Amino acid sequence: MHWESFRRFVLPFIFILALGIPLLIGVNFFLLNILILMLVFIIFSSAWNLLTYSGQASLGHAAFFGIGGYVSTLLVVKMGVPIQAGIVLSGCIAAAMGLFIGITCVRLKEWFLAMVTFGFAIITETLIASPLAAFTGGWDGLGTPHLISHEIPGYIVFEYYLILAVTLATLIGIHYILKSRAGLAFAAIRENEVEARAAGVDPVKYKLLAFTISTFIAGIAGALEIHYVGYITPEIFSPQISFWPVTYSILGGLGNLWGPVIGTVVLTIFWEGLKTIGLTYERFIIIGLILILSVIFLPKGLISFPEELRKKVRKYKHKSPDTRSDV
């Protein structure tokens, strides 16, 4: 699907639908809870997907997601910082940690860097759970103020619109980054790092930039989730949290702005829908089959389905009448 047609027809529909959901379902805590967490993971998955534009990958992005949550919690609870400032500062601290990891490991190739981030997430979880337990609450966790006071009637609707606004701002920001000179540099590095260097692009500089922006957004996502839930434990650093954005992005389409959005929405619908009809454990098998079939038949992700379908139709139409009759 071409960006222009997508921007002209589909985006306004998605925007209007997103704005109108609370009006359609009312103050439905169950559905709005699912939608809010889905929006948080769209932000998180988009942050992870941004790395792929520069040919990088991470298997431990939960480290930065969790750092964002803990930093904001400690700032708000221990130091009395306003929640809004705590969320922004948490993104900055997560970005600083991302820059540190990037400077140390940016010259590593693809999945070697991914393994370093995976190890970093495990180390961070261990530190938060034990040596720093006096500050972080250890495995008992910490409570934290909500985004919107629960004393306000219909507070969850306000939380939905707030996180929706951050989600849209994130997608718009990433879109403009990818259209900028930095975005072109990311693409050049991803396609051929040697040729990019020969053309005057500094791979180290732009990889660090991508990693820093990605971890900043991941930190913001973590802070948003924790202030929505109102509680945080070291489980936020678990491998499962790291693998969700990878899964969403691959299912939707790597290296595409809307891939993480589509992947997150589709997988969330299946995940929660199967649970609703009583398939608690069976849903793991069904989701696994969906992922396998998607990788085999749609290696570019679900976002490529319209184009693949168009190719199949075009191929069928170009067959001779005799061939079609045989089919």
Protein backbone atom coordinates (compact mmCIF):
# COMPACT_ATOMS: atom_id res chain seq x y z
CA MET A 1 0.00 0.00 0.00
CA HIS A 2 1.44 3.36 -1.07
CA TRP A 3 1.98 5.94 1.68
CA GLU A 4 0.03 8.66 -0.13
CA SER A 5 -3.14 6.60 -0.47
CA PHE A 6 -2.74 5.33 3.07
CA ARG A 7 -2.32 8.87 4.38
CA ARG A 8 -5.23 10.21 2.35
CA PHE A 9 -7.87 7.57 3.05
CA VAL A 10 -6.94 5.16 5.83
CA LEU A 11 -5.28 7.47 8.34
CA PRO A 12 -8.27 9.84 8.77
CA PHE A 13 -10.52 6.83 9.31
CA ILE A 14 -8.18 5.35 11.95
CA PHE A 15 -7.90 8.74 13.67
CA ILE A 16 -11.67 9.29 13.79
CA LEU A 17 -12.24 5.71 14.97
CA ALA A 18 -9.66 6.06 17.74
CA LEU A 19 -11.22 9.33 18.92
CA GLY A 20 -14.73 7.92 18.84
CA ILE A 21 -14.15 4.60 20.62
CA PRO A 22 -15.02 5.91 24.11
CA LEU A 23 -18.19 7.45 22.67
CA LEU A 24 -19.13 4.09 21.13
CA ILE A 25 -18.41 1.84 24.11
CA GLY A 26 -18.90 4.30 26.97
CA VAL A 27 -16.95 3.97 30.21
CA ASN A 28 -16.25 0.27 29.67
CA PHE A 29 -13.29 -0.41 31.97
CA PHE A 30 -12.52 -3.82 30.48
CA LEU A 31 -12.30 -2.66 26.86
CA LEU A 32 -10.63 0.65 27.63
CA ASN A 33 -8.02 -1.15 29.74
CA ILE A 34 -7.17 -3.38 26.77
CA LEU A 35 -7.05 -0.40 24.40
CA ILE A 36 -4.81 1.65 26.70
CA LEU A 37 -2.30 -1.16 27.15
CA MET A 38 -2.44 -1.75 23.40
CA LEU A 39 -1.56 1.92 22.79
CA VAL A 40 1.37 1.68 25.23
CA PHE A 41 2.74 -1.29 23.35
CA ILE A 42 2.25 0.46 20.02
CA ILE A 43 4.58 3.15 21.37
CA PHE A 44 7.01 0.53 22.70
CA SER A 45 6.95 -1.53 19.50
CA SER A 46 7.44 1.58 17.37
CA ALA A 47 10.49 2.41 19.49
CA TRP A 48 11.93 -1.05 18.89
CA ASN A 49 11.06 -0.98 15.19
CA LEU A 50 12.95 2.30 14.80
CA LEU A 51 16.16 0.36 15.45
CA THR A 52 15.55 -1.85 12.42
CA TYR A 53 15.70 1.18 10.11
CA SER A 54 19.40 1.47 10.92
CA GLY A 55 20.05 -2.27 10.73
CA GLN A 56 20.10 -2.81 14.50
CA ALA A 57 18.14 -5.12 16.80
CA SER A 58 17.51 -5.51 20.51
CA LEU A 59 16.36 -8.48 22.57
CA GLY A 60 16.44 -6.55 25.82
CA HIS A 61 14.41 -3.43 25.19
CA ALA A 62 12.48 -4.20 28.37
CA ALA A 63 15.53 -2.77 30.17
CA PHE A 64 14.75 0.72 28.86
CA PHE A 65 11.00 0.20 29.22
CA GLY A 66 11.57 -0.74 32.86
CA ILE A 67 14.10 2.03 33.50
CA GLY A 68 11.50 4.51 32.31
CA GLY A 69 8.93 3.05 34.70
CA TYR A 70 11.23 2.95 37.72
CA VAL A 71 12.83 6.35 37.17
CA SER A 72 9.45 8.05 36.86
CA THR A 73 8.11 6.18 39.89
CA LEU A 74 11.08 7.11 42.08
CA LEU A 75 11.02 10.74 40.94
CA VAL A 76 7.31 11.08 41.62
CA VAL A 77 7.09 9.00 44.83
CA LYS A 78 10.43 9.76 46.49
CA MET A 79 11.11 13.30 45.26
CA GLY A 80 7.65 14.72 44.64
CA VAL A 81 8.26 15.50 40.97
CA PRO A 82 5.04 16.07 38.96
CA ILE A 83 4.00 13.03 36.93
CA GLN A 84 4.35 14.81 33.58
CA ALA A 85 7.91 15.88 34.38
CA GLY A 86 8.70 12.43 35.75
CA ILE A 87 7.61 10.78 32.50
CA VAL A 88 9.74 13.10 30.35
CA LEU A 89 12.77 12.76 32.64
CA SER A 90 12.37 8.98 32.67
CA GLY A 91 12.62 8.98 28.87
CA CYS A 92 15.79 11.10 29.11
CA ILE A 93 17.41 8.72 31.63
CA ALA A 94 16.47 5.71 29.51
CA ALA A 95 17.99 7.49 26.49
CA ALA A 96 21.16 8.21 28.48
CA MET A 97 21.46 4.52 29.35
CA GLY A 98 20.78 3.64 25.73
CA LEU A 99 23.51 6.04 24.62
CA PHE A 100 25.92 4.41 27.08
CA ILE A 101 25.12 0.92 25.78
CA GLY A 102 25.33 2.22 22.23
CA ILE A 103 28.75 3.82 22.70
CA THR A 104 30.00 0.57 24.23
CA CYS A 105 28.50 -1.82 21.70
CA VAL A 106 27.42 0.11 18.59
CA ARG A 107 30.14 -1.45 16.47
CA LEU A 108 28.70 -4.89 17.12
CA LYS A 109 26.71 -6.37 14.26
CA GLU A 110 22.98 -7.07 14.38
CA TRP A 111 22.22 -9.93 16.77
CA PHE A 112 25.47 -9.55 18.73
CA LEU A 113 24.13 -6.18 19.86
CA ALA A 114 20.78 -7.84 20.51
CA MET A 115 22.39 -10.30 22.91
CA VAL A 116 24.15 -7.47 24.76
CA THR A 117 20.83 -5.71 25.33
CA PHE A 118 19.28 -8.99 26.47
CA GLY A 119 22.04 -9.39 29.05
CA PHE A 120 21.63 -5.77 30.13
CA ALA A 121 17.93 -6.35 30.83
CA ILE A 122 18.74 -9.36 33.04
CA ILE A 123 21.41 -7.40 34.94
CA THR A 124 19.05 -4.47 35.46
CA GLU A 125 16.27 -6.72 36.75
CA THR A 126 18.68 -8.33 39.23
CA LEU A 127 19.94 -4.97 40.50
CA ILE A 128 16.45 -3.57 40.93
CA ALA A 129 15.19 -6.71 42.71
CA SER A 130 18.02 -7.12 45.20
CA PRO A 131 20.86 -4.62 45.80
CA LEU A 132 18.59 -1.62 45.20
CA ALA A 133 15.56 -3.11 46.95
CA ALA A 134 15.69 -0.46 49.68
CA PHE A 135 14.81 2.15 47.06
CA THR A 136 12.79 0.09 44.61
CA GLY A 137 10.80 -2.15 46.94
CA GLY A 138 12.41 -5.29 45.48
CA TRP A 139 10.00 -7.97 44.34
CA ASP A 140 7.26 -6.42 46.48
CA GLY A 141 7.29 -3.47 44.12
CA LEU A 142 6.23 0.12 44.55
CA GLY A 143 2.93 1.90 44.20
CA THR A 144 2.86 5.05 42.10
CA PRO A 145 0.27 7.78 41.38
CA HIS A 146 -1.98 7.28 38.38
CA LEU A 147 -1.92 9.43 35.27
CA ILE A 148 -5.37 10.75 36.16
CA SER A 149 -6.74 10.74 39.70
CA HIS A 150 -9.19 7.86 40.17
CA GLU A 151 -11.41 10.21 42.14
CA ILE A 152 -12.39 11.89 38.86
CA PRO A 153 -15.51 10.31 37.30
CA GLY A 154 -14.68 8.54 34.05
CA TYR A 155 -10.94 8.90 34.71
CA ILE A 156 -10.11 5.97 32.44
CA VAL A 157 -11.48 7.87 29.42
CA PHE A 158 -9.12 10.76 30.13
CA GLU A 159 -6.23 8.29 30.49
CA TYR A 160 -7.18 6.77 27.14
CA TYR A 161 -7.13 10.11 25.34
CA LEU A 162 -3.87 11.13 27.02
CA ILE A 163 -2.05 7.95 25.96
CA LEU A 164 -3.67 8.12 22.51
CA ALA A 165 -2.23 11.64 22.11
CA VAL A 166 1.25 10.39 23.06
CA THR A 167 0.87 7.46 20.62
CA LEU A 168 -0.05 9.77 17.74
CA ALA A 169 2.78 12.16 18.63
CA THR A 170 5.21 9.22 18.64
CA LEU A 171 4.11 7.99 15.21
CA ILE A 172 4.18 11.48 13.71
CA GLY A 173 7.62 12.12 15.23
CA ILE A 174 9.04 8.86 13.88
CA HIS A 175 7.53 9.60 10.46
CA TYR A 176 9.32 12.94 10.24
CA ILE A 177 12.56 11.43 11.53
CA LEU A 178 12.45 8.82 8.78
CA LYS A 179 11.77 11.49 6.14
CA SER A 180 14.69 13.59 7.37
CA ARG A 181 18.35 13.33 6.49
CA ALA A 182 18.84 11.05 9.51
CA GLY A 183 16.16 8.70 8.17
CA LEU A 184 17.90 8.50 4.80
CA ALA A 185 21.15 7.74 6.63
CA PHE A 186 19.43 4.98 8.60
CA ALA A 187 18.21 3.40 5.37
CA ALA A 188 21.63 3.65 3.73
CA ILE A 189 23.30 1.96 6.71
CA ARG A 190 20.68 -0.78 6.77
CA GLU A 191 21.07 -1.56 3.08
CA ASN A 192 24.88 -1.47 2.90
CA GLU A 193 27.01 -0.04 5.69
CA VAL A 194 30.20 -0.08 3.61
CA GLU A 195 28.65 1.86 0.74
CA ALA A 196 27.00 4.25 3.20
CA ARG A 197 30.39 5.00 4.74
CA ALA A 198 31.87 5.54 1.30
CA ALA A 199 29.08 8.02 0.54
CA GLY A 200 30.01 10.08 3.60
CA VAL A 201 27.51 8.68 6.11
CA ASP A 202 28.97 7.99 9.56
CA PRO A 203 27.40 4.65 10.62
CA VAL A 204 28.45 4.97 14.27
CA LYS A 205 26.93 8.42 14.62
CA TYR A 206 23.59 7.50 13.08
CA LYS A 207 23.35 4.13 14.83
CA LEU A 208 23.86 5.91 18.13
CA LEU A 209 21.19 8.42 17.17
CA ALA A 210 18.70 5.65 16.33
CA PHE A 211 19.49 3.78 19.53
CA THR A 212 19.13 6.90 21.68
CA ILE A 213 15.80 7.94 20.16
CA SER A 214 14.51 4.39 20.41
CA THR A 215 15.40 4.05 24.09
CA PHE A 216 13.93 7.48 24.87
CA ILE A 217 10.57 6.43 23.41
CA ALA A 218 10.77 3.04 25.18
CA GLY A 219 11.36 4.84 28.50
CA ILE A 220 8.32 7.05 27.91
CA ALA A 221 6.21 3.97 27.14
CA GLY A 222 7.34 2.26 30.35
CA ALA A 223 6.53 5.32 32.45
CA LEU A 224 3.09 5.63 30.86
CA GLU A 225 2.24 2.00 31.59
CA ILE A 226 3.37 2.16 35.20
CA HIS A 227 1.48 5.38 35.94
CA TYR A 228 -1.59 3.89 34.30
CA VAL A 229 -1.37 0.62 36.25
CA GLY A 230 -0.28 2.36 39.45
CA TYR A 231 2.27 -0.27 40.47
CA ILE A 232 5.69 -1.51 39.40
CA THR A 233 7.77 -4.64 40.10
CA PRO A 234 11.02 -6.02 38.57
CA GLU A 235 8.88 -8.22 36.30
CA ILE A 236 8.79 -5.25 33.95
CA PHE A 237 12.31 -6.29 32.86
CA SER A 238 11.28 -9.87 32.01
CA PRO A 239 12.21 -11.43 28.62
CA GLN A 240 8.51 -11.62 27.77
CA ILE A 241 8.27 -7.83 27.82
CA SER A 242 11.32 -7.65 25.53
CA PHE A 243 9.89 -10.16 23.06
CA TRP A 244 6.46 -8.55 22.65
CA PRO A 245 7.65 -5.57 20.57
CA VAL A 246 9.76 -7.92 18.44
CA THR A 247 6.73 -10.13 17.83
CA TYR A 248 4.39 -7.22 17.09
CA SER A 249 6.84 -5.60 14.67
CA ILE A 250 7.66 -8.80 12.76
CA LEU A 251 3.98 -9.74 12.48
CA GLY A 252 2.98 -6.27 11.28
CA GLY A 253 6.02 -5.60 9.11
CA LEU A 254 9.61 -4.70 9.95
CA GLY A 255 11.02 -1.39 8.79
CA ASN A 256 7.58 0.11 8.22
CA LEU A 257 6.01 2.86 10.32
CA TRP A 258 2.65 1.10 10.48
CA GLY A 259 3.99 -2.42 10.95
CA PRO A 260 4.10 -2.26 14.78
CA VAL A 261 0.66 -0.64 14.86
CA ILE A 262 -0.96 -3.35 12.76
CA GLY A 263 0.91 -6.15 14.52
CA THR A 264 -0.02 -4.88 17.98
CA VAL A 265 -3.68 -4.37 17.13
CA VAL A 266 -4.13 -7.74 15.38
CA LEU A 267 -2.27 -9.78 17.99
CA THR A 268 -4.03 -8.01 20.87
CA ILE A 269 -7.44 -8.73 19.32
CA PHE A 270 -6.59 -12.42 18.96
CA TRP A 271 -4.92 -12.64 22.38
CA GLU A 272 -7.76 -11.04 24.31
CA GLY A 273 -10.51 -12.47 22.10
CA LEU A 274 -9.33 -16.06 22.57
CA LYS A 275 -9.06 -15.49 26.31
CA THR A 276 -12.61 -14.11 26.40
CA ILE A 277 -14.04 -17.29 24.84
CA GLY A 278 -12.20 -19.45 27.36
CA LEU A 279 -9.09 -20.48 25.38
CA THR A 280 -6.59 -19.51 28.06
CA TYR A 281 -3.79 -21.94 27.22
CA GLU A 282 -4.86 -22.86 23.72
CA ARG A 283 -4.32 -19.26 22.63
CA PHE A 284 -0.57 -19.74 22.94
CA ILE A 285 -0.75 -22.46 20.26
CA ILE A 286 -3.06 -20.41 18.03
CA ILE A 287 -0.90 -17.27 18.33
CA GLY A 288 2.19 -19.38 17.59
CA LEU A 289 0.54 -20.75 14.44
CA ILE A 290 -0.43 -17.24 13.33
CA LEU A 291 3.18 -16.10 13.70
CA ILE A 292 4.54 -19.13 11.83
CA LEU A 293 2.09 -18.76 8.94
CA SER A 294 2.74 -15.02 8.76
CA VAL A 295 6.51 -15.49 8.54
CA ILE A 296 6.13 -18.20 5.87
CA PHE A 297 3.49 -16.59 3.65
CA LEU A 298 3.91 -12.89 4.48
CA PRO A 299 7.60 -12.41 5.29
CA LYS A 300 7.17 -8.63 4.97
CA GLY A 301 4.40 -8.69 7.54
CA LEU A 302 0.65 -8.19 7.50
CA ILE A 303 1.06 -4.73 6.04
CA SER A 304 2.17 -6.36 2.79
CA PHE A 305 -1.06 -8.41 2.50
CA PRO A 306 -2.93 -5.97 0.18
CA GLU A 307 0.06 -5.83 -2.19
CA GLU A 308 0.53 -9.61 -2.13
CA LEU A 309 -3.17 -10.10 -2.80
CA ARG A 310 -2.97 -7.62 -5.69
CA LYS A 311 -0.07 -9.56 -7.19
CA LYS A 312 -2.00 -12.83 -6.93
CA VAL A 313 -5.04 -11.29 -8.64
CA ARG A 314 -2.89 -9.71 -11.35
CA LYS A 315 -1.10 -13.00 -11.94
CA TYR A 316 -4.40 -14.84 -12.21
CA LYS A 317 -5.83 -12.31 -14.68
CA HIS A 318 -2.78 -12.60 -16.90
CA LYS A 319 -3.21 -16.36 -17.23
CA SER A 320 -4.62 -17.60 -20.50
CA PRO A 321 -8.32 -18.59 -20.57
CA ASP A 322 -7.33 -22.22 -21.09
CA THR A 323 -5.09 -22.19 -18.05
CA ARG A 324 -7.81 -20.61 -15.89
CA SER A 325 -10.37 -23.20 -17.01
CA ASP A 326 -7.99 -25.96 -15.96
CA VAL A 327 -7.69 -24.37 -12.53
